[in-house]
PDB file of N, CA and C in Angstrom:
ATOM      1  N   MET A   1     100.519  62.550 116.614  1.00  0.00           N
ATOM      2  CA  MET A   1     101.701  63.743 116.311  1.00  0.00           C
ATOM      3  C   MET A   1     102.561  64.103 116.653  1.00  0.00           C
ATOM      4  N   ARG A   2     103.976  64.455 116.844  1.00  0.00           N
ATOM      5  CA  ARG A   2     104.678  65.117 118.074  1.00  0.00           C
ATOM      6  C   ARG A   2     105.288  66.229 117.508  1.00  0.00           C
ATOM      7  N   SER A   3     105.178  67.373 119.257  1.00  0.00           N
ATOM      8  CA  SER A   3     105.448  68.583 118.217  1.00  0.00           C
ATOM      9  C   SER A   3     106.617  68.683 118.777  1.00  0.00           C
ATOM     10  N   ARG A   4     107.651  69.977 118.089  1.00  0.00           N
ATOM     11  CA  ARG A   4     108.628  69.956 118.259  1.00  0.00           C
ATOM     12  C   ARG A   4     108.790  70.850 118.772  1.00  0.00           C
ATOM     13  N   SER A   5     109.688  71.741 120.013  1.00  0.00           N
ATOM     14  CA  SER A   5     109.474  73.159 120.084  1.00  0.00           C
ATOM     15  C   SER A   5     110.707  73.465 120.189  1.00  0.00           C
ATOM     16  N   LEU A   6     111.240  75.038 120.148  1.00  0.00           N
ATOM     17  CA  LEU A   6     112.281  75.595 119.887  1.00  0.00           C
ATOM     18  C   LEU A   6     112.397  76.138 120.895  1.00  0.00           C
ATOM     19  N   THR A   7     113.565  76.339 121.308  1.00  0.00           N
ATOM     20  CA  THR A   7     113.874  77.432 122.311  1.00  0.00           C
ATOM     21  C   THR A   7     114.589  78.631 121.835  1.00  0.00           C
ATOM     22  N   ALA A   8     114.610  79.696 122.664  1.00  0.00           N
ATOM     23  CA  ALA A   8     115.314  81.273 122.156  1.00  0.00           C
ATOM     24  C   ALA A   8     116.701  80.296 121.029  1.00  0.00           C
ATOM     25  N   GLN A   9     117.632  80.198 122.057  1.00  0.00           N
ATOM     26  CA  GLN A   9     118.866  80.180 121.727  1.00  0.00           C
ATOM     27  C   GLN A   9     118.766  78.943 120.162  1.00  0.00           C
ATOM     28  N   CYS A  10     117.782  78.030 120.192  1.00  0.00           N
ATOM     29  CA  CYS A  10     118.347  77.521 118.933  1.00  0.00           C
ATOM     30  C   CYS A  10     117.625  78.320 117.590  1.00  0.00           C
ATOM     31  N   LEU A  11     116.424  79.599 117.828  1.00  0.00           N
ATOM     32  CA  LEU A  11     116.238  80.267 116.574  1.00  0.00           C
ATOM     33  C   LEU A  11     117.159  81.592 116.626  1.00  0.00           C
ATOM     34  N   ALA A  12     118.074  81.978 117.649  1.00  0.00           N
ATOM     35  CA  ALA A  12     118.955  82.931 117.404  1.00  0.00           C
ATOM     36  C   ALA A  12     120.030  82.080 116.757  1.00  0.00           C
ATOM     37  N   ASP A  13     120.659  80.817 117.245  1.00  0.00           N
ATOM     38  CA  ASP A  13     121.356  80.324 116.325  1.00  0.00           C
ATOM     39  C   ASP A  13     120.907  79.697 114.718  1.00  0.00           C
ATOM     40  N   ARG A  14     119.828  79.646 114.322  1.00  0.00           N
ATOM     41  CA  ARG A  14     119.057  79.824 112.631  1.00  0.00           C
ATOM     42  C   ARG A  14     118.691  81.004 112.256  1.00  0.00           C
ATOM     43  N   THR A  15     118.413  82.140 113.265  1.00  0.00           N
ATOM     44  CA  THR A  15     118.414  83.241 112.745  1.00  0.00           C
ATOM     45  C   THR A  15     119.631  84.096 112.352  1.00  0.00           C
ATOM     46  N   GLY A  16     120.055  84.286 113.707  1.00  0.00           N
ATOM     47  CA  GLY A  16     121.298  85.219 113.662  1.00  0.00           C
ATOM     48  C   GLY A  16     121.062  86.429 114.557  1.00  0.00           C
ATOM     49  N   ILE A  17     119.906  86.647 115.173  1.00  0.00           N
ATOM     50  CA  ILE A  17     118.708  87.557 115.510  1.00  0.00           C
ATOM     51  C   ILE A  17     119.293  87.057 117.369  1.00  0.00           C
ATOM     52  N   ARG A  18     119.712  88.280 117.903  1.00  0.00           N
ATOM     53  CA  ARG A  18     120.438  88.066 119.774  1.00  0.00           C
ATOM     54  C   ARG A  18     119.346  86.856 120.620  1.00  0.00           C
ATOM     55  N   THR A  19     119.336  85.968 121.396  1.00  0.00           N
ATOM     56  CA  THR A  19     118.538  85.508 122.229  1.00  0.00           C
ATOM     57  C   THR A  19     118.064  86.516 123.147  1.00  0.00           C
ATOM     58  N   PRO A  20     118.705  87.532 123.685  1.00  0.00           N
ATOM     59  CA  PRO A  20     117.836  87.882 124.290  1.00  0.00           C
ATOM     60  C   PRO A  20     116.887  88.692 123.924  1.00  0.00           C
ATOM     61  N   ARG A  21     116.866  89.137 122.465  1.00  0.00           N
ATOM     62  CA  ARG A  21     115.235  89.958 121.500  1.00  0.00           C
ATOM     63  C   ARG A  21     114.589  88.575 121.256  1.00  0.00           C
ATOM     64  N   ILE A  22     114.989  87.797 121.175  1.00  0.00           N
ATOM     65  CA  ILE A  22     113.887  86.251 120.632  1.00  0.00           C
ATOM     66  C   ILE A  22     113.428  85.882 122.149  1.00  0.00           C
ATOM     67  N   ARG A  23     114.027  86.125 123.273  1.00  0.00           N
ATOM     68  CA  ARG A  23     112.968  85.737 124.321  1.00  0.00           C
ATOM     69  C   ARG A  23     111.915  87.482 124.669  1.00  0.00           C
ATOM     70  N   ALA A  24     112.854  88.254 124.583  1.00  0.00           N
ATOM     71  CA  ALA A  24     111.394  89.333 124.419  1.00  0.00           C
ATOM     72  C   ALA A  24     110.051  89.451 123.427  1.00  0.00           C
ATOM     73  N   PHE A  25     110.924  88.827 121.940  1.00  0.00           N
ATOM     74  CA  PHE A  25     109.793  88.972 121.360  1.00  0.00           C
ATOM     75  C   PHE A  25     108.372  88.029 121.917  1.00  0.00           C
ATOM     76  N   ALA A  26     109.170  86.751 121.841  1.00  0.00           N
ATOM     77  CA  ALA A  26     107.968  86.034 123.267  1.00  0.00           C
ATOM     78  C   ALA A  26     107.160  86.340 123.937  1.00  0.00           C
ATOM     79  N   GLN A  27     108.280  86.750 125.055  1.00  0.00           N
ATOM     80  CA  GLN A  27     107.019  86.819 126.445  1.00  0.00           C
ATOM     81  C   GLN A  27     106.255  88.126 125.946  1.00  0.00           C
ATOM     82  N   ASP A  28     106.758  89.357 125.826  1.00  0.00           N
ATOM     83  CA  ASP A  28     105.837  90.107 125.513  1.00  0.00           C
ATOM     84  C   ASP A  28     105.181  90.450 124.227  1.00  0.00           C
ATOM     85  N   GLY A  29     105.159  89.758 123.060  1.00  0.00           N
ATOM     86  CA  GLY A  29     104.588  89.558 121.966  1.00  0.00           C
ATOM     87  C   GLY A  29     104.691  91.190 121.197  1.00  0.00           C
ATOM     88  N   ALA A  30     103.952  90.747 120.614  1.00  0.00           N
ATOM     89  CA  ALA A  30     104.395  92.701 119.359  1.00  0.00           C
ATOM     90  C   ALA A  30     103.846  94.141 120.229  1.00  0.00           C
ATOM     91  N   ASP A  31     103.366  93.908 121.381  1.00  0.00           N
ATOM     92  CA  ASP A  31     102.876  95.301 122.034  1.00  0.00           C
ATOM     93  C   ASP A  31     104.358  95.323 122.789  1.00  0.00           C
ATOM     94  N   GLY A  32     105.384  94.827 122.896  1.00  0.00           N
ATOM     95  CA  GLY A  32     105.825  95.079 124.124  1.00  0.00           C
ATOM     96  C   GLY A  32     107.332  96.283 123.588  1.00  0.00           C
ATOM     97  N   PRO A  33     107.949  95.856 124.510  1.00  0.00           N
ATOM     98  CA  PRO A  33     108.665  97.707 124.592  1.00  0.00           C
ATOM     99  C   PRO A  33     110.083  97.112 123.137  1.00  0.00           C
ATOM    100  N   VAL A  34     109.937  95.869 122.604  1.00  0.00           N
ATOM    101  CA  VAL A  34     111.360  95.605 122.135  1.00  0.00           C
ATOM    102  C   VAL A  34     110.529  95.650 121.058  1.00  0.00           C
ATOM    103  N   ARG A  35     111.013  95.644 119.912  1.00  0.00           N
ATOM    104  CA  ARG A  35     109.741  95.149 118.215  1.00  0.00           C
ATOM    105  C   ARG A  35     110.887  94.843 117.457  1.00  0.00           C
ATOM    106  N   PRO A  36     110.017  93.549 116.979  1.00  0.00           N
ATOM    107  CA  PRO A  36     111.057  93.232 115.616  1.00  0.00           C
ATOM    108  C   PRO A  36     111.515  94.158 114.386  1.00  0.00           C
ATOM    109  N   THR A  37     112.349  93.905 114.015  1.00  0.00           N
ATOM    110  CA  THR A  37     112.685  95.051 112.773  1.00  0.00           C
ATOM    111  C   THR A  37     112.163  94.217 111.572  1.00  0.00           C
ATOM    112  N   ARG A  38     111.892  94.551 110.080  1.00  0.00           N
ATOM    113  CA  ARG A  38     111.046  94.003 109.595  1.00  0.00           C
ATOM    114  C   ARG A  38     112.094  92.290 108.883  1.00  0.00           C
ATOM    115  N   GLU A  39     113.372  92.643 108.967  1.00  0.00           N
ATOM    116  CA  GLU A  39     113.936  91.505 108.687  1.00  0.00           C
ATOM    117  C   GLU A  39     114.145  90.814 109.805  1.00  0.00           C
ATOM    118  N   GLU A  40     113.794  91.077 111.522  1.00  0.00           N
ATOM    119  CA  GLU A  40     113.850  89.993 112.083  1.00  0.00           C
ATOM    120  C   GLU A  40     112.655  89.566 111.914  1.00  0.00           C
ATOM    121  N   LEU A  41     111.119  89.953 111.416  1.00  0.00           N
ATOM    122  CA  LEU A  41     110.292  88.743 111.441  1.00  0.00           C
ATOM    123  C   LEU A  41     110.562  88.320 109.975  1.00  0.00           C
ATOM    124  N   THR A  42     111.374  88.937 108.773  1.00  0.00           N
ATOM    125  CA  THR A  42     111.667  87.796 108.039  1.00  0.00           C
ATOM    126  C   THR A  42     112.324  86.467 108.030  1.00  0.00           C
ATOM    127  N   GLU A  43     113.381  86.927 109.225  1.00  0.00           N
ATOM    128  CA  GLU A  43     113.654  85.888 109.694  1.00  0.00           C
ATOM    129  C   GLU A  43     113.012  84.612 110.182  1.00  0.00           C
ATOM    130  N   LEU A  44     112.423  85.057 111.212  1.00  0.00           N
ATOM    131  CA  LEU A  44     111.284  84.836 112.503  1.00  0.00           C
ATOM    132  C   LEU A  44     110.586  83.780 111.741  1.00  0.00           C
ATOM    133  N   ALA A  45     109.490  83.955 110.648  1.00  0.00           N
ATOM    134  CA  ALA A  45     108.708  83.471 109.638  1.00  0.00           C
ATOM    135  C   ALA A  45     109.170  82.261 108.876  1.00  0.00           C
ATOM    136  N   ALA A  46     110.936  82.910 108.270  1.00  0.00           N
ATOM    137  CA  ALA A  46     111.378  81.388 107.055  1.00  0.00           C
ATOM    138  C   ALA A  46     111.722  80.601 108.762  1.00  0.00           C
ATOM    139  N   ALA A  47     112.551  80.722 109.758  1.00  0.00           N
ATOM    140  CA  ALA A  47     112.785  79.995 110.708  1.00  0.00           C
ATOM    141  C   ALA A  47     111.818  78.815 111.045  1.00  0.00           C
ATOM    142  N   LEU A  48     110.933  79.786 111.932  1.00  0.00           N
ATOM    143  CA  LEU A  48     109.413  78.960 111.839  1.00  0.00           C
ATOM    144  C   LEU A  48     108.765  78.280 110.790  1.00  0.00           C
ATOM    145  N   THR A  49     108.517  78.479 109.730  1.00  0.00           N
ATOM    146  CA  THR A  49     107.721  78.053 108.468  1.00  0.00           C
ATOM    147  C   THR A  49     106.306  78.573 108.503  1.00  0.00           C
ATOM    148  N   LEU A  50     106.141  79.920 108.738  1.00  0.00           N
ATOM    149  CA  LEU A  50     105.391  80.739 109.678  1.00  0.00           C
ATOM    150  C   LEU A  50     104.925  81.566 107.906  1.00  0.00           C
ATOM    151  N   PRO A  51     103.374  82.033 107.055  1.00  0.00           N
ATOM    152  CA  PRO A  51     103.446  82.515 105.696  1.00  0.00           C
ATOM    153  C   PRO A  51     103.691  84.141 106.277  1.00  0.00           C
ATOM    154  N   LEU A  52     104.949  84.807 105.763  1.00  0.00           N
ATOM    155  CA  LEU A  52     105.890  85.967 105.816  1.00  0.00           C
ATOM    156  C   LEU A  52     104.175  87.217 106.022  1.00  0.00           C
ATOM    157  N   PRO A  53     103.524  86.745 104.599  1.00  0.00           N
ATOM    158  CA  PRO A  53     102.514  88.108 104.642  1.00  0.00           C
ATOM    159  C   PRO A  53     101.934  88.186 106.188  1.00  0.00           C
ATOM    160  N   GLN A  54     101.463  86.868 107.271  1.00  0.00           N
ATOM    161  CA  GLN A  54     100.382  86.734 108.380  1.00  0.00           C
ATOM    162  C   GLN A  54     101.235  87.914 109.042  1.00  0.00           C
ATOM    163  N   VAL A  55     102.750  87.583 108.804  1.00  0.00           N
ATOM    164  CA  VAL A  55     103.527  87.688 110.597  1.00  0.00           C
ATOM    165  C   VAL A  55     103.499  88.823 110.316  1.00  0.00           C
ATOM    166  N   LEU A  56     103.599  89.669 109.210  1.00  0.00           N
ATOM    167  CA  LEU A  56     103.638  91.460 108.492  1.00  0.00           C
ATOM    168  C   LEU A  56     102.936  91.944 109.057  1.00  0.00           C
ATOM    169  N   GLN A  57     101.779  91.329 108.601  1.00  0.00           N
ATOM    170  CA  GLN A  57     100.622  91.806 108.662  1.00  0.00           C
ATOM    171  C   GLN A  57     100.782  92.012 110.903  1.00  0.00           C
ATOM    172  N   ALA A  58     100.078  91.390 111.329  1.00  0.00           N
ATOM    173  CA  ALA A  58     100.109  90.819 112.660  1.00  0.00           C
ATOM    174  C   ALA A  58     100.849  92.129 113.484  1.00  0.00           C
ATOM    175  N   ALA A  59     102.578  92.287 113.262  1.00  0.00           N
ATOM    176  CA  ALA A  59     103.369  93.395 113.409  1.00  0.00           C
ATOM    177  C   ALA A  59     102.841  94.405 113.187  1.00  0.00           C
ATOM    178  N   ARG A  60     102.495  94.820 112.154  1.00  0.00           N
ATOM    179  CA  ARG A  60     101.745  95.740 111.710  1.00  0.00           C
ATOM    180  C   ARG A  60     100.419  96.078 112.757  1.00  0.00           C
ATOM    181  N   VAL A  61      99.677  95.286 112.800  1.00  0.00           N
ATOM    182  CA  VAL A  61      98.337  95.710 113.808  1.00  0.00           C
ATOM    183  C   VAL A  61      98.867  96.023 114.970  1.00  0.00           C
ATOM    184  N   SER A  62      99.572  95.401 115.642  1.00  0.00           N
ATOM    185  CA  SER A  62     100.290  96.059 116.818  1.00  0.00           C
ATOM    186  C   SER A  62     100.843  96.980 117.215  1.00  0.00           C
ATOM    187  N   THR A  63     101.499  97.483 115.977  1.00  0.00           N
ATOM    188  CA  THR A  63     102.218  98.886 115.570  1.00  0.00           C
ATOM    189  C   THR A  63     101.583  99.478 116.043  1.00  0.00           C
ATOM    190  N   ASP A  64     100.085  99.590 115.271  1.00  0.00           N
ATOM    191  CA  ASP A  64      99.170 100.735 115.569  1.00  0.00           C
ATOM    192  C   ASP A  64      98.454 100.618 116.824  1.00  0.00           C
ATOM    193  N   ALA A  65      98.713  99.530 117.814  1.00  0.00           N
ATOM    194  CA  ALA A  65      98.758  99.467 119.603  1.00  0.00           C
ATOM    195  C   ALA A  65      98.388 101.289 120.004  1.00  0.00           C
ATOM    196  N   PRO A  66      98.005 101.380 121.107  1.00  0.00           N
ATOM    197  CA  PRO A  66      98.677 103.112 121.872  1.00  0.00           C
ATOM    198  C   PRO A  66      99.531 101.664 122.548  1.00  0.00           C
ATOM    199  N   PRO A  67     100.733 102.885 123.096  1.00  0.00           N
ATOM    200  CA  PRO A  67     101.496 102.487 123.857  1.00  0.00           C
ATOM    201  C   PRO A  67     101.574 102.307 125.483  1.00  0.00           C
ATOM    202  N   ARG A  68     101.833 101.301 125.650  1.00  0.00           N
ATOM    203  CA  ARG A  68     101.408 101.425 127.526  1.00  0.00           C
ATOM    204  C   ARG A  68     101.733 102.285 128.164  1.00  0.00           C
TER     205      ARG A  68
END
């Protein structure tokens, strides 16, 4: 099975989220200084065909983590 990859620019085009924010999410993860909003998480989950409840749960877990 062939896997496909999406660039930050491609996700930005699909979601309307600015490319630098998507890059920050991808590089730093949920613990990084740039945190996605609920709306951005919803858009990213839809664009990546990920289950929204799991995405939101993962974001909540990282929000409770102590700051760096």
